[in-house]
Amino acid sequence: MSYETRRRAKIGVLVPFTNTNLEPDMELMRSPDTTIHFQRIGGYDVDQIPGTEQMAGLGASDISHDLRMISGVRPDVVLYGCTSATLTHGPSFDADLAREIKEVSGALSFTAAGALVAAIQALGVTKIGFSSPYLGEINLQAMEFLAHNQIATVKCADVGRELGNYGQGELTPDEVFDLACQADHPDARAIVLSCTDMRSVEAVERIEVALDKPVVTSNQAMIFSVMRALKLPRRGNEPGRLFDLL
């Protein structure tokens, strides 16, 4: 029997405590000989609809304990695994949080929102179709966040109904596919699927075939940022054209 060395890199991930899809997505896409370690974070009410106020509260919550816990594995990189928690505050807040995580953990750090922007920029794309399971106000803030980074949203699609903290993660890959197609537009050069708890990774290749455009998801973008920064090899099953840039 052969074994992985598990010595190439240790990846720490801060994940909202109700999120059920970030962990399997990370394991699906991780590079050989790497390990992924998760610390669940709170700072929000599970029974409330995750609107702007709740997500902004999560982004501003104290994560000092969580950083101490994840630092225990001596990670090479720490990911902040909630897109809307920082994009509701804007690019400066997002960058400051990444710096704070790096200072405390001693590791490289990427936020989901920051990684999403970096992946879109790596594709050389400035016009996108955007979709998410968020409420309308968060979508507006997301488009503003992207616009600050010279990325224009030419069409935005949402699920059309309020989803609770568990509802976002319960969308099926087929529903995510339909949502992505609703965000397509002749001027869009890529489709962006924002949310670390949405099952986007499983739908990426089907969407790219159907629309003939690259797709960028929050979880895919974080792994891409890690692989690019640490020069990690591909496993071979990473979904999407984005990984062809490595």
Protein backbone atom coordinates (compact mmCIF):
# COMPACT_ATOMS: atom_id res chain seq x y z
CA MET A 1 0.00 0.00 0.00
CA SER A 2 1.27 3.48 -0.88
CA TYR A 3 0.72 6.54 1.29
CA GLU A 4 0.76 10.28 0.83
CA THR A 5 3.55 12.04 2.68
CA ARG A 6 1.17 14.74 4.00
CA ARG A 7 4.21 17.00 4.18
CA ARG A 8 3.79 19.30 1.19
CA ALA A 9 1.50 21.86 2.89
CA LYS A 10 -1.03 22.25 5.70
CA ILE A 11 -4.07 24.35 4.86
CA GLY A 12 -6.15 25.86 7.65
CA VAL A 13 -9.73 26.91 6.95
CA LEU A 14 -12.08 29.04 9.06
CA VAL A 15 -15.60 27.90 8.18
CA PRO A 16 -19.02 29.17 9.38
CA PHE A 17 -20.48 26.61 11.76
CA THR A 18 -23.59 25.86 9.66
CA ASN A 19 -21.64 25.41 6.40
CA THR A 20 -21.76 21.80 5.15
CA ASN A 21 -20.21 22.07 1.67
CA LEU A 22 -16.91 23.93 2.07
CA GLU A 23 -15.18 20.96 3.71
CA PRO A 24 -16.05 18.35 1.06
CA ASP A 25 -15.19 20.80 -1.72
CA MET A 26 -11.76 21.46 -0.21
CA GLU A 27 -11.04 17.77 0.16
CA LEU A 28 -12.17 17.17 -3.41
CA MET A 29 -9.76 19.76 -4.83
CA ARG A 30 -6.75 19.61 -2.52
CA SER A 31 -3.31 18.91 -3.96
CA PRO A 32 -1.54 15.60 -3.31
CA ASP A 33 0.43 15.35 -0.06
CA THR A 34 -1.42 18.31 1.48
CA THR A 35 -3.75 18.24 4.47
CA ILE A 36 -6.70 20.49 5.25
CA HIS A 37 -7.73 21.46 8.78
CA PHE A 38 -10.96 23.22 9.71
CA GLN A 39 -11.98 25.50 12.56
CA ARG A 40 -15.68 26.32 12.78
CA ILE A 41 -16.57 29.93 13.56
CA GLY A 42 -19.72 31.54 14.94
CA GLY A 43 -20.78 35.15 15.21
CA TYR A 44 -24.26 34.81 13.73
CA ASP A 45 -27.74 33.54 14.61
CA VAL A 46 -28.55 30.27 12.88
CA ASP A 47 -32.28 31.03 12.99
CA GLN A 48 -32.04 34.37 11.16
CA ILE A 49 -32.09 34.81 7.41
CA PRO A 50 -28.46 35.53 6.42
CA GLY A 51 -28.94 39.08 5.20
CA THR A 52 -26.53 42.01 5.18
CA GLU A 53 -26.69 42.68 8.91
CA GLN A 54 -26.00 39.09 9.87
CA MET A 55 -23.16 38.60 7.38
CA ALA A 56 -21.57 41.92 8.29
CA GLY A 57 -21.77 40.87 11.94
CA LEU A 58 -20.02 37.60 11.13
CA GLY A 59 -17.23 39.44 9.32
CA ALA A 60 -16.73 41.80 12.26
CA SER A 61 -16.91 39.11 14.95
CA ASP A 62 -13.93 38.26 17.15
CA ILE A 63 -11.99 35.36 15.65
CA SER A 64 -9.00 35.52 18.00
CA HIS A 65 -9.90 32.18 19.64
CA ASP A 66 -10.43 30.56 16.24
CA LEU A 67 -7.06 31.79 15.02
CA ARG A 68 -5.36 30.35 18.11
CA MET A 69 -7.02 27.01 17.46
CA ILE A 70 -6.15 26.80 13.77
CA SER A 71 -2.61 28.02 14.48
CA GLY A 72 -2.13 24.84 16.50
CA VAL A 73 -1.60 22.82 13.32
CA ARG A 74 1.17 25.23 12.19
CA PRO A 75 -0.54 25.92 8.85
CA ASP A 76 1.21 27.16 5.75
CA VAL A 77 -1.91 29.08 4.72
CA VAL A 78 -5.17 30.03 6.41
CA LEU A 79 -8.36 30.60 4.43
CA TYR A 80 -11.32 32.68 5.61
CA GLY A 81 -14.19 30.63 4.23
CA CYS A 82 -17.15 32.99 4.00
CA THR A 83 -17.51 35.25 0.98
CA SER A 84 -20.39 37.48 2.07
CA ALA A 85 -18.97 38.13 5.56
CA THR A 86 -16.27 40.39 4.15
CA LEU A 87 -17.70 41.65 0.87
CA THR A 88 -20.51 43.28 2.88
CA HIS A 89 -17.81 45.49 4.46
CA GLY A 90 -15.89 46.27 1.27
CA PRO A 91 -12.39 45.65 -0.17
CA SER A 92 -10.44 47.51 2.52
CA PHE A 93 -12.00 45.49 5.33
CA ASP A 94 -11.40 42.28 3.38
CA ALA A 95 -7.71 43.09 2.87
CA ASP A 96 -7.30 44.12 6.52
CA LEU A 97 -8.81 40.83 7.72
CA ALA A 98 -6.43 38.83 5.54
CA ARG A 99 -3.50 40.78 7.02
CA GLU A 100 -4.79 40.20 10.57
CA ILE A 101 -5.07 36.46 9.99
CA LYS A 102 -1.54 36.38 8.56
CA GLU A 103 -0.10 38.31 11.50
CA VAL A 104 -1.73 36.10 14.14
CA SER A 105 -1.26 32.74 12.44
CA GLY A 106 2.12 33.37 10.84
CA ALA A 107 0.75 31.83 7.64
CA LEU A 108 -0.26 33.12 4.24
CA SER A 109 -3.90 34.13 4.22
CA PHE A 110 -6.66 34.42 1.63
CA THR A 111 -10.29 35.37 2.11
CA ALA A 112 -13.00 33.84 -0.06
CA ALA A 113 -13.96 37.27 -1.42
CA GLY A 114 -10.36 38.25 -2.14
CA ALA A 115 -9.65 34.91 -3.81
CA LEU A 116 -12.74 35.32 -5.98
CA VAL A 117 -11.43 38.64 -7.28
CA ALA A 118 -7.92 37.24 -7.80
CA ALA A 119 -9.26 34.32 -9.82
CA ILE A 120 -11.37 36.55 -12.05
CA GLN A 121 -8.36 38.79 -12.63
CA ALA A 122 -6.17 35.78 -13.40
CA LEU A 123 -8.59 34.91 -16.21
CA GLY A 124 -8.16 38.42 -17.60
CA VAL A 125 -11.90 39.02 -17.36
CA THR A 126 -13.52 42.40 -16.65
CA LYS A 127 -17.20 41.61 -17.36
CA ILE A 128 -19.02 38.79 -15.59
CA GLY A 129 -22.38 37.22 -14.94
CA PHE A 130 -22.93 36.87 -11.20
CA SER A 131 -25.13 34.50 -9.24
CA SER A 132 -25.52 33.58 -5.60
CA PRO A 133 -28.03 32.34 -3.02
CA TYR A 134 -27.89 35.73 -1.23
CA LEU A 135 -30.60 38.25 -0.60
CA GLY A 136 -30.76 41.16 -3.05
CA GLU A 137 -28.92 43.65 -0.84
CA ILE A 138 -25.90 41.39 -0.47
CA ASN A 139 -25.83 40.89 -4.22
CA LEU A 140 -25.66 44.66 -4.67
CA GLN A 141 -22.78 44.83 -2.20
CA ALA A 142 -21.05 41.97 -4.02
CA MET A 143 -21.31 43.82 -7.33
CA GLU A 144 -19.91 46.97 -5.68
CA PHE A 145 -17.04 44.92 -4.22
CA LEU A 146 -16.22 43.58 -7.69
CA ALA A 147 -16.59 47.03 -9.26
CA HIS A 148 -13.96 48.39 -6.85
CA ASN A 149 -11.66 45.85 -8.48
CA GLN A 150 -12.58 46.92 -12.03
CA ILE A 151 -14.89 43.95 -12.58
CA ALA A 152 -18.30 44.86 -14.03
CA THR A 153 -21.35 42.67 -13.46
CA VAL A 154 -23.42 42.70 -16.64
CA LYS A 155 -26.11 40.39 -15.25
CA CYS A 156 -26.99 39.21 -11.75
CA ALA A 157 -29.21 36.25 -10.87
CA ASP A 158 -30.45 35.06 -7.49
CA VAL A 159 -32.64 32.19 -6.35
CA GLY A 160 -35.70 34.39 -6.04
CA ARG A 161 -36.55 33.44 -2.48
CA GLU A 162 -35.17 33.81 1.02
CA LEU A 163 -32.89 30.98 2.06
CA GLY A 164 -31.90 30.33 5.66
CA ASN A 165 -28.42 29.39 6.83
CA TYR A 166 -29.08 25.76 5.90
CA GLY A 167 -31.07 26.50 2.75
CA GLN A 168 -28.06 27.85 0.88
CA GLY A 169 -26.19 24.61 1.36
CA GLU A 170 -29.21 22.51 0.40
CA LEU A 171 -29.37 23.80 -3.17
CA THR A 172 -28.55 20.90 -5.50
CA PRO A 173 -25.87 21.06 -8.22
CA ASP A 174 -28.74 21.02 -10.75
CA GLU A 175 -30.23 24.12 -9.12
CA VAL A 176 -26.81 25.78 -9.13
CA PHE A 177 -26.49 24.97 -12.83
CA ASP A 178 -29.84 26.64 -13.54
CA LEU A 179 -28.84 29.66 -11.45
CA ALA A 180 -25.59 30.02 -13.39
CA CYS A 181 -27.41 29.88 -16.72
CA GLN A 182 -29.74 32.65 -15.54
CA ALA A 183 -26.66 34.83 -14.96
CA ASP A 184 -25.36 34.41 -18.50
CA HIS A 185 -25.25 37.41 -20.84
CA PRO A 186 -23.66 37.95 -24.27
CA ASP A 187 -21.22 40.48 -22.75
CA ALA A 188 -20.25 38.27 -19.80
CA ARG A 189 -16.83 36.66 -20.26
CA ALA A 190 -17.12 34.44 -17.18
CA ILE A 191 -19.76 33.22 -14.74
CA VAL A 192 -19.14 33.84 -11.04
CA LEU A 193 -20.85 31.74 -8.36
CA SER A 194 -20.42 33.32 -4.95
CA CYS A 195 -20.94 31.47 -1.65
CA THR A 196 -18.77 28.88 0.08
CA ASP A 197 -21.81 26.81 1.12
CA MET A 198 -23.34 26.52 -2.37
CA ARG A 199 -22.65 23.30 -4.27
CA SER A 200 -21.05 25.12 -7.19
CA VAL A 201 -17.88 23.06 -7.58
CA GLU A 202 -19.83 20.00 -8.68
CA ALA A 203 -21.58 22.03 -11.40
CA VAL A 204 -18.57 23.90 -12.82
CA GLU A 205 -17.69 21.63 -15.73
CA ARG A 206 -21.32 21.22 -16.82
CA ILE A 207 -21.80 24.99 -16.79
CA GLU A 208 -18.62 25.58 -18.79
CA VAL A 209 -19.72 23.10 -21.45
CA ALA A 210 -23.21 24.58 -21.67
CA LEU A 211 -22.16 28.25 -21.79
CA ASP A 212 -18.64 27.92 -23.23
CA LYS A 213 -17.33 30.34 -20.60
CA PRO A 214 -15.04 29.90 -17.61
CA VAL A 215 -16.68 29.60 -14.22
CA VAL A 216 -15.29 30.90 -10.94
CA THR A 217 -16.67 29.78 -7.59
CA SER A 218 -15.70 30.87 -4.07
CA ASN A 219 -14.26 27.50 -3.04
CA GLN A 220 -12.55 26.87 -6.35
CA ALA A 221 -10.97 30.34 -6.19
CA MET A 222 -9.55 29.74 -2.70
CA ILE A 223 -7.90 26.47 -3.73
CA PHE A 224 -6.57 28.16 -6.88
CA SER A 225 -5.01 30.93 -4.76
CA VAL A 226 -3.38 28.38 -2.46
CA MET A 227 -2.02 26.28 -5.31
CA ARG A 228 -0.64 29.31 -7.11
CA ALA A 229 0.96 30.82 -3.98
CA LEU A 230 2.53 27.58 -2.74
CA LYS A 231 3.27 26.22 -6.22
CA LEU A 232 1.35 23.04 -5.49
CA PRO A 233 0.85 20.36 -8.14
CA ARG A 234 -2.56 19.53 -9.57
CA ARG A 235 -4.34 16.36 -8.59
CA GLY A 236 -5.93 16.27 -12.02
CA ASN A 237 -9.62 16.45 -11.10
CA GLU A 238 -9.82 20.16 -10.24
CA PRO A 239 -12.93 21.47 -12.01
CA GLY A 240 -12.84 24.31 -14.47
CA ARG A 241 -10.70 26.25 -16.91
CA LEU A 242 -9.32 28.35 -14.06
CA PHE A 243 -6.91 25.58 -13.09
CA ASP A 244 -5.44 25.52 -16.60
CA LEU A 245 -3.72 28.77 -15.61
CA LEU A 246 -1.49 27.02 -13.06
